[in-house]
C-alpha atoms as a PDB file:
ATOM      1  CA  UNK A   1      98.191  77.885 149.147  1.00  0.00           C
ATOM      2  CA  UNK A   2      97.976  75.136 146.811  1.00  0.00           C
ATOM      3  CA  UNK A   3      99.723  74.863 143.995  1.00  0.00           C
ATOM      4  CA  UNK A   4      96.370  75.463 141.577  1.00  0.00           C
ATOM      5  CA  UNK A   5      95.696  77.969 143.503  1.00  0.00           C
ATOM      6  CA  UNK A   6      99.394  79.570 143.156  1.00  0.00           C
ATOM      7  CA  UNK A   7      98.788  79.070 139.312  1.00  0.00           C
ATOM      8  CA  UNK A   8      95.825  80.593 139.291  1.00  0.00           C
ATOM      9  CA  UNK A   9      96.470  83.379 140.839  1.00  0.00           C
ATOM     10  CA  UNK A  10      99.672  83.808 138.725  1.00  0.00           C
ATOM     11  CA  UNK A  11      97.430  83.418 135.618  1.00  0.00           C
ATOM     12  CA  UNK A  12      95.138  86.050 137.131  1.00  0.00           C
ATOM     13  CA  UNK A  13      98.274  88.355 137.363  1.00  0.00           C
ATOM     14  CA  UNK A  14      99.326  87.955 133.917  1.00  0.00           C
ATOM     15  CA  UNK A  15      95.898  88.841 132.294  1.00  0.00           C
ATOM     16  CA  UNK A  16      95.322  91.796 134.564  1.00  0.00           C
ATOM     17  CA  UNK A  17      99.149  92.507 133.112  1.00  0.00           C
ATOM     18  CA  UNK A  18      97.960  92.399 129.851  1.00  0.00           C
ATOM     19  CA  UNK A  19      94.876  94.292 130.202  1.00  0.00           C
ATOM     20  CA  UNK A  20      96.286  96.690 131.698  1.00  0.00           C
ATOM     21  CA  UNK A  21      99.129  97.192 128.869  1.00  0.00           C
ATOM     22  CA  UNK A  22      96.571  97.182 126.101  1.00  0.00           C
ATOM     23  CA  UNK A  23      94.768  99.866 128.365  1.00  0.00           C
ATOM     24  CA  UNK A  24      98.204 101.707 128.057  1.00  0.00           C
ATOM     25  CA  UNK A  25      98.620 101.131 124.624  1.00  0.00           C
ATOM     26  CA  UNK A  26      95.368 101.925 123.185  1.00  0.00           C
ATOM     27  CA  UNK A  27      95.175 105.296 125.434  1.00  0.00           C
ATOM     28  CA  UNK A  28      98.757 106.724 123.592  1.00  0.00           C
ATOM     29  CA  UNK A  29      96.840 105.565 120.401  1.00  0.00           C
ATOM     30  CA  UNK A  30      93.851 107.293 121.358  1.00  0.00           C
ATOM     31  CA  UNK A  31      95.825 110.574 121.764  1.00  0.00           C
ATOM     32  CA  UNK A  32      97.948 109.807 118.480  1.00  0.00           C
ATOM     33  CA  UNK A  33      94.794 109.965 116.951  1.00  0.00           C
ATOM     34  CA  UNK A  34      93.158 113.326 118.360  1.00  0.00           C
ATOM     35  CA  UNK A  35      96.424 115.207 117.522  1.00  0.00           C
ATOM     36  CA  UNK A  36      95.988 114.155 114.082  1.00  0.00           C
ATOM     37  CA  UNK A  37      92.496 115.351 114.100  1.00  0.00           C
ATOM     38  CA  UNK A  38      93.383 118.580 115.311  1.00  0.00           C
ATOM     39  CA  UNK A  39      95.990 119.156 113.071  1.00  0.00           C
ATOM     40  CA  UNK A  40      93.547 118.574 109.914  1.00  0.00           C
ATOM     41  CA  UNK A  41      90.835 120.654 111.679  1.00  0.00           C
ATOM     42  CA  UNK A  42      92.893 123.663 112.740  1.00  0.00           C
ATOM     43  CA  UNK A  43      96.552 124.173 110.750  1.00  0.00           C
ATOM     44  CA  UNK A  44      97.525 126.561 113.162  1.00  0.00           C
ATOM     45  CA  UNK A  45      97.318 124.203 116.450  1.00  0.00           C
ATOM     46  CA  UNK A  46     100.328 123.404 117.721  1.00  0.00           C
ATOM     47  CA  UNK A  47     100.801 120.596 119.999  1.00  0.00           C
ATOM     48  CA  UNK A  48     102.393 120.968 123.228  1.00  0.00           C
ATOM     49  CA  UNK A  49     105.386 118.198 123.985  1.00  0.00           C
ATOM     50  CA  UNK A  50     105.306 117.426 127.555  1.00  0.00           C
ATOM     51  CA  UNK A  51     109.072 117.644 128.658  1.00  0.00           C
ATOM     52  CA  UNK A  52     110.459 113.755 129.343  1.00  0.00           C
ATOM     53  CA  UNK A  53     107.340 112.283 128.595  1.00  0.00           C
ATOM     54  CA  UNK A  54     108.635 108.805 127.113  1.00  0.00           C
ATOM     55  CA  UNK A  55     107.393 105.530 126.571  1.00  0.00           C
ATOM     56  CA  UNK A  56     108.052 102.727 128.411  1.00  0.00           C
ATOM     57  CA  UNK A  57     107.817  98.901 127.312  1.00  0.00           C
ATOM     58  CA  UNK A  58     104.937  97.161 128.926  1.00  0.00           C
ATOM     59  CA  UNK A  59     106.051  94.737 131.606  1.00  0.00           C
ATOM     60  CA  UNK A  60     104.094  91.578 130.625  1.00  0.00           C
ATOM     61  CA  UNK A  61     105.720  87.908 130.074  1.00  0.00           C
ATOM     62  CA  UNK A  62     104.417  85.504 127.499  1.00  0.00           C
ATOM     63  CA  UNK A  63     102.069  85.730 124.716  1.00  0.00           C
ATOM     64  CA  UNK A  64      98.694  87.928 124.833  1.00  0.00           C
ATOM     65  CA  UNK A  65      95.828  85.708 126.355  1.00  0.00           C
ATOM     66  CA  UNK A  66      93.129  84.201 124.299  1.00  0.00           C
ATOM     67  CA  UNK A  67      90.514  86.477 125.624  1.00  0.00           C
ATOM     68  CA  UNK A  68      92.695  89.719 124.349  1.00  0.00           C
ATOM     69  CA  UNK A  69      93.685  88.493 120.929  1.00  0.00           C
ATOM     70  CA  UNK A  70      91.413  90.271 118.751  1.00  0.00           C
ATOM     71  CA  UNK A  71      91.608  93.749 121.021  1.00  0.00           C
ATOM     72  CA  UNK A  72      95.337  93.636 120.154  1.00  0.00           C
ATOM     73  CA  UNK A  73      94.636  92.481 116.637  1.00  0.00           C
ATOM     74  CA  UNK A  74      92.386  95.567 116.316  1.00  0.00           C
ATOM     75  CA  UNK A  75      95.031  97.673 118.368  1.00  0.00           C
ATOM     76  CA  UNK A  76      97.745  96.690 116.187  1.00  0.00           C
ATOM     77  CA  UNK A  77      96.011  97.625 113.171  1.00  0.00           C
ATOM     78  CA  UNK A  78      94.695 101.475 114.895  1.00  0.00           C
ATOM     79  CA  UNK A  79      98.891 101.485 115.707  1.00  0.00           C
ATOM     80  CA  UNK A  80      99.625 100.644 111.810  1.00  0.00           C
ATOM     81  CA  UNK A  81      97.191 103.145 110.677  1.00  0.00           C
ATOM     82  CA  UNK A  82      98.015 106.199 113.005  1.00  0.00           C
ATOM     83  CA  UNK A  83     101.763 105.461 112.070  1.00  0.00           C
ATOM     84  CA  UNK A  84     100.686 105.887 108.543  1.00  0.00           C
ATOM     85  CA  UNK A  85      99.327 108.963 108.807  1.00  0.00           C
ATOM     86  CA  UNK A  86     101.943 110.662 110.855  1.00  0.00           C
ATOM     87  CA  UNK A  87     104.458 109.666 108.428  1.00  0.00           C
ATOM     88  CA  UNK A  88     102.339 111.355 105.559  1.00  0.00           C
ATOM     89  CA  UNK A  89     102.089 114.573 108.105  1.00  0.00           C
ATOM     90  CA  UNK A  90     105.618 114.297 108.675  1.00  0.00           C
ATOM     91  CA  UNK A  91     106.550 113.930 104.553  1.00  0.00           C
ATOM     92  CA  UNK A  92     103.783 117.259 104.139  1.00  0.00           C
ATOM     93  CA  UNK A  93     105.997 119.181 106.797  1.00  0.00           C
ATOM     94  CA  UNK A  94     108.901 118.543 104.903  1.00  0.00           C
ATOM     95  CA  UNK A  95     107.921 119.343 101.802  1.00  0.00           C
ATOM     96  CA  UNK A  96     106.409 122.549 102.969  1.00  0.00           C
ATOM     97  CA  UNK A  97     109.766 123.546 104.898  1.00  0.00           C
ATOM     98  CA  UNK A  98     111.692 122.720 101.762  1.00  0.00           C
ATOM     99  CA  UNK A  99     109.270 124.768  99.501  1.00  0.00           C
ATOM    100  CA  UNK A 100     109.318 127.935 102.136  1.00  0.00           C
ATOM    101  CA  UNK A 101     113.409 127.254 102.151  1.00  0.00           C
ATOM    102  CA  UNK A 102     113.441 128.189  98.647  1.00  0.00           C
ATOM    103  CA  UNK A 103     111.074 131.200  98.996  1.00  0.00           C
ATOM    104  CA  UNK A 104     113.439 132.697 101.509  1.00  0.00           C
ATOM    105  CA  UNK A 105     116.051 132.304  99.559  1.00  0.00           C
ATOM    106  CA  UNK A 106     114.732 133.569  96.505  1.00  0.00           C
ATOM    107  CA  UNK A 107     113.122 136.668  98.262  1.00  0.00           C
ATOM    108  CA  UNK A 108     116.361 137.449 100.256  1.00  0.00           C
ATOM    109  CA  UNK A 109     118.508 138.313  97.377  1.00  0.00           C
ATOM    110  CA  UNK A 110     118.763 141.465  95.632  1.00  0.00           C
ATOM    111  CA  UNK A 111     117.471 141.245  91.582  1.00  0.00           C
ATOM    112  CA  UNK A 112     119.045 143.372  89.410  1.00  0.00           C
ATOM    113  CA  UNK A 113     117.382 143.988  85.790  1.00  0.00           C
ATOM    114  CA  UNK A 114     119.929 145.619  82.933  1.00  0.00           C
ATOM    115  CA  UNK A 115     118.138 146.925  80.663  1.00  0.00           C
ATOM    116  CA  UNK A 116     119.637 148.954  77.873  1.00  0.00           C
ATOM    117  CA  UNK A 117     117.764 152.939  77.435  1.00  0.00           C
END
């Protein structure tokens, strides 16, 4: 294979790797967006958490190819929106948990009222 052919193949592999990496992140963002929609729509919804499901960093080297720059910017904006929405949801849950804990403590103590007869 010529040097030009090897460089073209390497470039094609690089572009394909970035395309797959962006696709993987897009799927993760779609799942997070769907989770938020379901939680807002149905307060009783409890998502299943897959056991041992961990995120793995895409194996890409170098800058995002120019042809994917706008796609990557839009994806970053969506990630930031989802992150902010998840942060807000966690804050709401913590607030509700603290409020419920206060109610539980208040209801568990006996209350006596001493009045003169």
